[in-house]
Amino acid sequence: MSKLYLVPTPIGNLEDMTLRAIRILKEVDIILAEDTRKTGNLLRHFEIEKPMFAHHKFNEHKALPSLIERIKGGETIALVSDAGTPAISDPGFLIARACIENDIEIETLPGPTAFIPALVNSGLPNDRFSFEGFLPQKKGRQKRIQELASEQKTMVFYESPYRLVKTLTQLAEVLGEERNASVSRELTKIHEENVRGTLKELIEYYSKSTVKGEIVLIVEGNR
């Protein structure tokens, strides 16, 4: 039966690729990839040979009609992102919604996503949390941070290494520099780092360091 598969891929360590994910990618007709070069390396590692097409934020709107028609025509399609689970701060939402609107079956595989291990190892309450993803880079950024000042749940952010200190500083100015937080960097990779402390302590630490890699920032809620 034709359908759309949303297939998570490792966030760093290739050993986190599931047997089911490998099987599905070997069985589908085509694979949609955020970055075909990066996904190509993954496919070669697991000896997967399938037609692959780029599907990213710059072309996903335009590509939707033809992809829906291909699935309706009997093809099975798998969508992967560069790392982690599709649609979590990556392409995936639009095609999933379009499939639902066209009564096309969607099967989402469980698998890696960066914020879960970062949240769990932060030591901050995780029974209830708010996933914020990336803060707006410019327009609406300060307004969103102000809105989060009263948020009581633990907050989860994705951030670029180039904006980490700026974000920590802006959060400290609004939420208070004694608010507890945790920065997880390069999860599952050789240089994985988890640094915990107050926002003030994290600002001091990362102001003296060269920051690289993918980052998840966990911030304590308003007590």
Protein backbone atom coordinates (compact mmCIF):
# COMPACT_ATOMS: atom_id res chain seq x y z
CA MET A 1 0.00 0.00 0.00
CA SER A 2 1.33 3.44 -0.89
CA LYS A 3 2.07 5.67 2.08
CA LEU A 4 4.44 8.23 3.54
CA TYR A 5 7.05 7.09 6.05
CA LEU A 6 8.68 9.60 8.42
CA VAL A 7 12.01 8.01 9.31
CA PRO A 8 14.29 9.32 12.09
CA THR A 9 18.04 9.15 11.52
CA PRO A 10 20.93 9.31 14.02
CA ILE A 11 21.81 12.70 15.49
CA GLY A 12 25.47 11.71 15.49
CA ASN A 13 26.23 8.11 16.35
CA LEU A 14 25.35 5.76 13.47
CA GLU A 15 24.73 2.95 15.95
CA ASP A 16 21.47 4.70 16.85
CA MET A 17 19.96 3.80 13.45
CA THR A 18 17.20 1.25 14.08
CA LEU A 19 16.83 -2.02 12.19
CA ARG A 20 13.31 -1.00 11.25
CA ALA A 21 14.49 2.31 9.79
CA ILE A 22 17.07 0.50 7.66
CA ARG A 23 14.44 -1.95 6.40
CA ILE A 24 11.93 0.76 5.52
CA LEU A 25 14.53 2.79 3.61
CA LYS A 26 15.42 -0.32 1.63
CA GLU A 27 11.77 -1.02 0.80
CA VAL A 28 10.41 2.41 -0.25
CA ASP A 29 10.36 3.64 -3.82
CA ILE A 30 12.04 7.00 -3.16
CA ILE A 31 13.69 8.86 -0.28
CA LEU A 32 13.23 12.58 0.37
CA ALA A 33 16.27 14.09 2.08
CA GLU A 34 16.94 17.51 3.58
CA ASP A 35 20.55 17.30 2.35
CA THR A 36 21.14 14.58 -0.25
CA ARG A 37 24.90 14.62 0.32
CA LYS A 38 24.59 13.97 4.04
CA THR A 39 21.85 11.38 3.63
CA GLY A 40 23.85 9.82 0.80
CA ASN A 41 26.66 9.07 3.25
CA LEU A 42 24.15 7.46 5.62
CA LEU A 43 22.63 5.33 2.87
CA ARG A 44 26.03 4.14 1.64
CA HIS A 45 27.00 3.17 5.19
CA PHE A 46 23.96 0.89 5.44
CA GLU A 47 24.18 -0.26 1.80
CA ILE A 48 20.86 1.30 0.83
CA GLU A 49 20.40 2.08 -2.86
CA LYS A 50 17.27 4.08 -3.60
CA PRO A 51 16.43 7.15 -5.70
CA MET A 52 16.83 10.25 -3.55
CA PHE A 53 15.44 13.77 -3.96
CA ALA A 54 16.12 16.98 -2.06
CA HIS A 55 13.25 18.11 0.16
CA HIS A 56 13.99 21.16 2.29
CA LYS A 57 12.45 24.43 3.47
CA PHE A 58 13.27 26.17 0.18
CA ASN A 59 11.39 23.74 -2.08
CA GLU A 60 8.91 21.83 0.07
CA HIS A 61 5.91 24.03 -0.81
CA LYS A 62 6.51 23.73 -4.55
CA ALA A 63 7.19 19.98 -4.41
CA LEU A 64 4.06 19.01 -2.45
CA PRO A 65 1.54 18.57 -5.31
CA SER A 66 3.76 16.24 -7.33
CA LEU A 67 4.72 14.20 -4.25
CA ILE A 68 1.09 13.72 -3.27
CA GLU A 69 0.29 12.57 -6.80
CA ARG A 70 3.16 10.10 -6.73
CA ILE A 71 1.90 8.56 -3.50
CA LYS A 72 -1.67 8.44 -4.85
CA GLY A 73 -0.22 6.70 -7.90
CA GLY A 74 1.04 3.86 -5.75
CA GLU A 75 4.53 4.86 -4.68
CA THR A 76 5.84 4.69 -1.13
CA ILE A 77 7.97 7.60 0.02
CA ALA A 78 10.26 7.99 3.03
CA LEU A 79 11.17 11.41 4.40
CA VAL A 80 14.35 11.85 6.44
CA SER A 81 16.00 14.97 7.86
CA ASP A 82 19.71 15.56 8.28
CA ALA A 83 19.53 14.25 11.84
CA GLY A 84 16.79 13.19 14.21
CA THR A 85 13.05 12.99 13.63
CA PRO A 86 11.49 14.76 10.62
CA ALA A 87 9.23 17.75 11.38
CA ILE A 88 10.94 18.56 14.70
CA SER A 89 12.44 21.92 13.67
CA ASP A 90 12.95 20.34 10.23
CA PRO A 91 10.82 19.77 7.11
CA GLY A 92 7.99 17.29 7.55
CA PHE A 93 4.93 19.12 8.83
CA LEU A 94 3.73 20.33 5.43
CA ILE A 95 3.88 16.96 3.67
CA ALA A 96 2.34 15.18 6.66
CA ARG A 97 -0.57 17.63 6.69
CA ALA A 98 -1.03 17.28 2.93
CA CYS A 99 -1.14 13.49 3.24
CA ILE A 100 -3.80 13.71 5.93
CA GLU A 101 -5.86 16.08 3.78
CA ASN A 102 -5.64 13.57 0.91
CA ASP A 103 -6.43 10.48 3.02
CA ILE A 104 -2.92 9.11 2.54
CA GLU A 105 -1.57 6.87 5.28
CA ILE A 106 1.39 8.12 7.31
CA GLU A 107 3.65 5.86 9.34
CA THR A 108 6.08 7.56 11.72
CA LEU A 109 8.92 5.49 13.09
CA PRO A 110 10.20 6.14 16.62
CA GLY A 111 13.82 7.08 16.86
CA PRO A 112 16.46 9.68 17.68
CA THR A 113 15.67 13.28 18.52
CA ALA A 114 18.14 15.59 20.24
CA PHE A 115 15.99 17.26 22.86
CA ILE A 116 14.89 14.13 24.77
CA PRO A 117 18.38 13.04 25.98
CA ALA A 118 19.27 16.70 26.65
CA LEU A 119 16.14 17.16 28.75
CA VAL A 120 16.59 13.94 30.69
CA ASN A 121 20.26 14.52 31.54
CA SER A 122 19.74 18.18 32.46
CA GLY A 123 18.60 17.30 35.96
CA LEU A 124 15.69 19.73 35.60
CA PRO A 125 12.04 18.65 36.02
CA ASN A 126 10.85 16.79 32.92
CA ASP A 127 7.39 15.56 33.89
CA ARG A 128 6.01 18.60 32.04
CA PHE A 129 8.01 20.70 29.59
CA SER A 130 7.62 23.25 26.81
CA PHE A 131 9.44 22.64 23.52
CA GLU A 132 10.28 26.05 22.03
CA GLY A 133 12.62 25.00 19.24
CA PHE A 134 14.56 27.95 17.79
CA LEU A 135 13.70 31.40 19.10
CA PRO A 136 12.92 33.96 16.38
CA GLN A 137 16.23 35.37 15.15
CA LYS A 138 15.02 38.97 14.81
CA LYS A 139 11.38 39.95 14.62
CA GLY A 140 9.44 38.82 17.67
CA ARG A 141 12.48 37.53 19.55
CA GLN A 142 12.31 39.86 22.57
CA LYS A 143 8.54 39.53 22.74
CA ARG A 144 8.78 35.73 22.85
CA ILE A 145 11.41 35.82 25.59
CA GLN A 146 9.22 38.20 27.63
CA GLU A 147 6.30 35.79 27.24
CA LEU A 148 8.43 32.93 28.56
CA ALA A 149 9.26 34.78 31.80
CA SER A 150 6.16 33.35 33.48
CA GLU A 151 6.42 29.85 31.97
CA GLN A 152 6.44 27.35 34.83
CA LYS A 153 7.38 24.29 32.80
CA THR A 154 10.98 23.42 31.91
CA MET A 155 11.78 24.99 28.54
CA VAL A 156 13.64 23.34 25.66
CA PHE A 157 15.42 25.34 22.95
CA TYR A 158 17.52 24.55 19.91
CA GLU A 159 20.30 27.04 19.27
CA SER A 160 23.16 27.79 16.92
CA PRO A 161 26.67 27.86 18.45
CA TYR A 162 27.05 31.38 17.02
CA ARG A 163 24.07 32.68 19.00
CA LEU A 164 24.41 30.68 22.22
CA VAL A 165 25.98 33.38 24.40
CA LYS A 166 23.60 35.99 23.00
CA THR A 167 20.61 33.79 23.81
CA LEU A 168 21.86 32.96 27.31
CA THR A 169 22.41 36.67 27.96
CA GLN A 170 18.97 37.68 26.73
CA LEU A 171 17.30 34.95 28.77
CA ALA A 172 19.24 35.99 31.88
CA GLU A 173 18.14 39.61 31.44
CA VAL A 174 14.47 38.63 31.39
CA LEU A 175 14.26 35.39 33.39
CA GLY A 176 16.98 36.24 35.91
CA GLU A 177 20.62 35.22 35.87
CA GLU A 178 20.14 32.73 38.72
CA ARG A 179 17.72 30.61 36.68
CA ASN A 180 19.11 27.07 36.34
CA ALA A 181 19.86 25.73 32.88
CA SER A 182 21.78 23.10 30.96
CA VAL A 183 23.58 23.18 27.62
CA SER A 184 24.02 19.92 25.69
CA ARG A 185 26.35 20.00 22.72
CA GLU A 186 27.23 17.38 20.10
CA LEU A 187 25.00 14.71 21.68
CA THR A 188 26.01 11.08 20.91
CA LYS A 189 29.22 12.27 19.21
CA ILE A 190 32.84 11.94 20.32
CA HIS A 191 32.97 15.46 21.77
CA GLU A 192 29.62 15.37 23.57
CA GLU A 193 29.41 17.98 26.32
CA ASN A 194 26.76 18.67 28.96
CA VAL A 195 27.26 21.79 31.09
CA ARG A 196 24.85 22.64 33.90
CA GLY A 197 24.55 25.72 36.09
CA THR A 198 22.79 29.06 36.37
CA LEU A 199 22.38 31.22 33.29
CA LYS A 200 25.08 33.48 34.72
CA GLU A 201 27.51 30.58 35.11
CA LEU A 202 26.79 29.31 31.60
CA ILE A 203 27.37 32.77 30.13
CA GLU A 204 30.75 32.97 31.89
CA TYR A 205 31.72 29.46 30.74
CA TYR A 206 30.78 29.84 27.08
CA SER A 207 32.14 33.41 26.83
CA LYS A 208 35.57 31.86 27.35
CA SER A 209 35.04 28.90 25.01
CA THR A 210 34.86 28.34 21.27
CA VAL A 211 31.43 26.87 20.77
CA LYS A 212 30.85 24.33 17.99
CA GLY A 213 28.24 21.77 17.06
CA GLU A 214 24.53 21.21 17.51
CA ILE A 215 23.13 22.64 20.77
CA VAL A 216 20.12 21.96 22.96
CA LEU A 217 19.46 24.46 25.75
CA ILE A 218 17.27 23.44 28.71
CA VAL A 219 16.03 26.21 31.03
CA GLU A 220 14.26 25.87 34.36
CA GLY A 221 10.68 27.12 34.55
CA ASN A 222 9.53 29.98 36.76
CA ARG A 223 9.32 28.71 40.34
